[in-house]
Protein backbone atom coordinates (compact mmCIF):
# COMPACT_ATOMS: atom_id res chain seq x y z
CA MET A 1 -36.28 1.05 -19.25
CA PRO A 2 -33.92 -1.88 -17.69
CA ILE A 3 -33.47 -2.50 -13.99
CA GLU A 4 -30.38 -2.14 -12.77
CA THR A 5 -29.48 -4.80 -10.37
CA PRO A 6 -25.88 -4.90 -8.45
CA LEU A 7 -23.00 -7.29 -9.64
CA LEU A 8 -22.44 -9.91 -6.87
CA THR A 9 -18.60 -9.43 -5.16
CA VAL A 10 -17.23 -10.90 -1.91
CA ASP A 11 -14.32 -9.25 0.37
CA ILE A 12 -12.75 -10.92 2.79
CA ILE A 13 -11.17 -9.49 6.35
CA ILE A 14 -8.46 -12.21 6.93
CA GLU A 15 -7.25 -12.35 10.00
CA CYS A 16 -3.70 -12.99 10.31
CA GLN A 17 -0.52 -12.53 12.45
CA GLY A 18 -2.37 -10.58 15.16
CA GLY A 19 -3.99 -8.34 12.26
CA ILE A 20 -5.71 -8.14 9.05
CA VAL A 21 -4.71 -8.51 5.63
CA LEU A 22 -5.04 -5.58 3.19
CA ILE A 23 -4.01 -5.47 -0.51
CA GLU A 24 -2.80 -2.38 -2.45
CA ARG A 25 -4.49 -2.87 -5.41
CA LYS A 26 -2.84 -2.47 -9.19
CA ASN A 27 -6.02 -1.34 -11.03
CA PRO A 28 -8.09 1.77 -10.37
CA PRO A 29 -9.34 2.62 -7.97
CA HIS A 30 -5.63 2.77 -6.77
CA GLY A 31 -5.14 2.35 -3.06
CA TRP A 32 -5.45 -0.38 -0.39
CA ALA A 33 -8.61 -2.65 -0.25
CA LEU A 34 -9.85 -5.97 1.30
CA PRO A 35 -8.87 -8.83 -0.58
CA GLY A 36 -11.99 -9.90 -2.64
CA GLY A 37 -13.58 -9.69 -6.10
CA PHE A 38 -16.80 -10.82 -8.25
CA VAL A 39 -18.44 -13.88 -7.75
CA ASP A 40 -18.04 -16.28 -10.86
CA ARG A 41 -20.75 -18.09 -12.47
CA GLY A 42 -21.28 -21.09 -11.14
CA GLU A 43 -19.55 -20.83 -7.54
CA SER A 44 -20.89 -19.79 -4.26
CA VAL A 45 -20.11 -16.92 -2.28
CA GLU A 46 -18.03 -19.14 -0.16
CA GLN A 47 -16.06 -20.40 -3.00
CA ALA A 48 -15.49 -17.00 -4.39
CA ALA A 49 -14.35 -15.43 -0.80
CA THR A 50 -11.82 -18.62 -0.83
CA ARG A 51 -10.71 -18.00 -4.49
CA GLU A 52 -10.35 -14.96 -4.34
CA ALA A 53 -8.27 -14.71 -1.30
CA LYS A 54 -6.07 -17.13 -2.72
CA GLU A 55 -5.30 -15.01 -5.96
CA GLU A 56 -4.79 -11.89 -4.29
CA THR A 57 -2.90 -12.92 -0.88
CA SER A 58 -1.60 -16.33 -1.79
CA LEU A 59 -3.35 -17.36 1.22
CA ASP A 60 -5.42 -20.61 1.86
CA VAL A 61 -8.05 -19.23 4.40
CA LYS A 62 -10.35 -20.88 6.47
CA LEU A 63 -13.94 -18.61 6.49
CA ILE A 64 -14.97 -18.21 9.95
CA GLU A 65 -18.45 -16.43 9.64
CA GLN A 66 -20.19 -14.12 7.00
CA MET A 67 -20.36 -10.64 8.55
CA HIS A 68 -22.54 -8.77 6.74
CA THR A 69 -23.71 -8.07 3.18
CA TYR A 70 -22.96 -4.36 2.01
CA SER A 71 -25.08 -3.01 -1.03
CA ASP A 72 -24.92 0.82 -1.10
CA PRO A 73 -25.39 1.69 -4.37
CA GLN A 74 -22.84 4.28 -4.31
CA ARG A 75 -19.99 1.62 -2.66
CA ASP A 76 -17.65 1.11 -5.99
CA PRO A 77 -17.42 3.92 -8.05
CA ARG A 78 -17.35 1.86 -11.17
CA MET A 79 -20.60 0.12 -11.04
CA TYR A 80 -23.53 -1.14 -8.96
CA THR A 81 -22.17 -3.96 -6.47
CA ALA A 82 -23.36 -5.47 -3.49
CA SER A 83 -20.62 -7.31 -0.98
CA VAL A 84 -21.09 -10.48 1.01
CA VAL A 85 -18.18 -9.65 3.48
CA PHE A 86 -16.54 -13.05 4.97
CA ILE A 87 -14.33 -12.92 8.41
CA ALA A 88 -11.57 -15.68 7.57
CA ALA A 89 -8.34 -16.97 9.27
CA ALA A 90 -4.73 -17.92 7.64
CA ALA A 91 -1.45 -18.95 9.27
CA GLU A 92 0.98 -18.03 6.46
CA SER A 93 2.59 -14.73 5.53
CA PRO A 94 0.44 -12.90 2.80
CA LYS A 95 2.01 -12.49 -0.91
CA GLY A 96 0.56 -10.13 -3.15
CA SER A 97 -0.51 -11.67 -6.62
CA ASP A 98 -2.93 -11.21 -9.40
CA ASP A 99 -4.16 -7.33 -9.18
CA ALA A 100 -2.98 -6.78 -6.13
CA ARG A 101 0.53 -5.03 -6.08
CA ARG A 102 1.24 -6.50 -2.44
CA ALA A 103 -0.52 -7.92 0.82
CA VAL A 104 0.37 -6.77 4.27
CA VAL A 105 -0.78 -7.34 7.49
CA PHE A 106 -2.45 -4.11 9.67
CA ARG A 107 -2.94 -3.72 12.87
CA HIS A 108 -6.05 -2.09 14.18
CA GLY A 109 -5.08 1.79 14.29
CA GLN A 110 -2.28 1.03 11.84
CA LEU A 111 -4.27 1.02 8.60
CA PRO A 112 -2.92 2.66 5.51
CA GLU A 113 -4.90 5.09 3.11
CA PRO A 114 -6.43 5.51 1.11
CA LEU A 115 -8.80 2.69 1.88
CA VAL A 116 -11.02 2.41 -1.21
CA PHE A 117 -14.41 1.63 -1.70
CA ASP A 118 -16.53 1.43 1.41
CA HIS A 119 -13.92 -0.68 3.07
CA GLY A 120 -13.37 1.77 5.66
CA ARG A 121 -16.78 1.23 6.71
CA ILE A 122 -16.28 -2.27 6.63
CA LEU A 123 -13.25 -2.26 8.63
CA ASN A 124 -14.87 -0.08 11.30
CA ASP A 125 -17.68 -2.40 11.64
CA TYR A 126 -15.76 -5.47 12.07
CA TYR A 127 -13.94 -3.65 14.54
CA LYS A 128 -16.95 -2.78 16.58
CA TYR A 129 -18.21 -6.40 16.21
CA LYS A 130 -15.02 -7.87 17.38
CA ALA A 131 -14.83 -5.63 20.45
CA GLY A 132 -18.15 -7.19 21.69
CA MET A 133 -20.94 -5.11 19.93
CA SER A 134 -23.88 -7.13 18.99
CA ARG A 135 -24.99 -7.22 15.42
CA GLN A 136 -28.28 -5.24 16.14
CA GLN A 137 -25.53 -2.33 17.49
CA VAL A 138 -23.30 -2.73 14.43
CA PHE A 139 -25.45 -2.99 11.68
CA GLY A 140 -28.89 -2.13 13.08
CA TYR A 141 -30.60 -5.60 12.67
């Protein structure tokens, strides 16, 4: 019996214009998501994060920090993935492209629905972390 290991992905919380950038997905599962995707062969997670941000939002981002890695086997209904989540910053206005129907800046408390995958949990953790909670309080370590 083969051992199933997770596919490596990245998600990027892009701080922009007083909010965060979310994309409306063109492909299933439909809904709103953080920009992100699979790490390609031969690239680092940091390279994947900046590439995916550019492909989906047309933004050149500056990575600020690696926030957390999410690896719940149920986080993606399509397959088993583990996502390295980055916090990044951008100055321009986002524009959806690639597999993003559109990219929009949303303020805290005004997030769209539905949020797909585990992105609601990720954003909940992000807002706690940004409010000053420690990593131990937010992530348990």
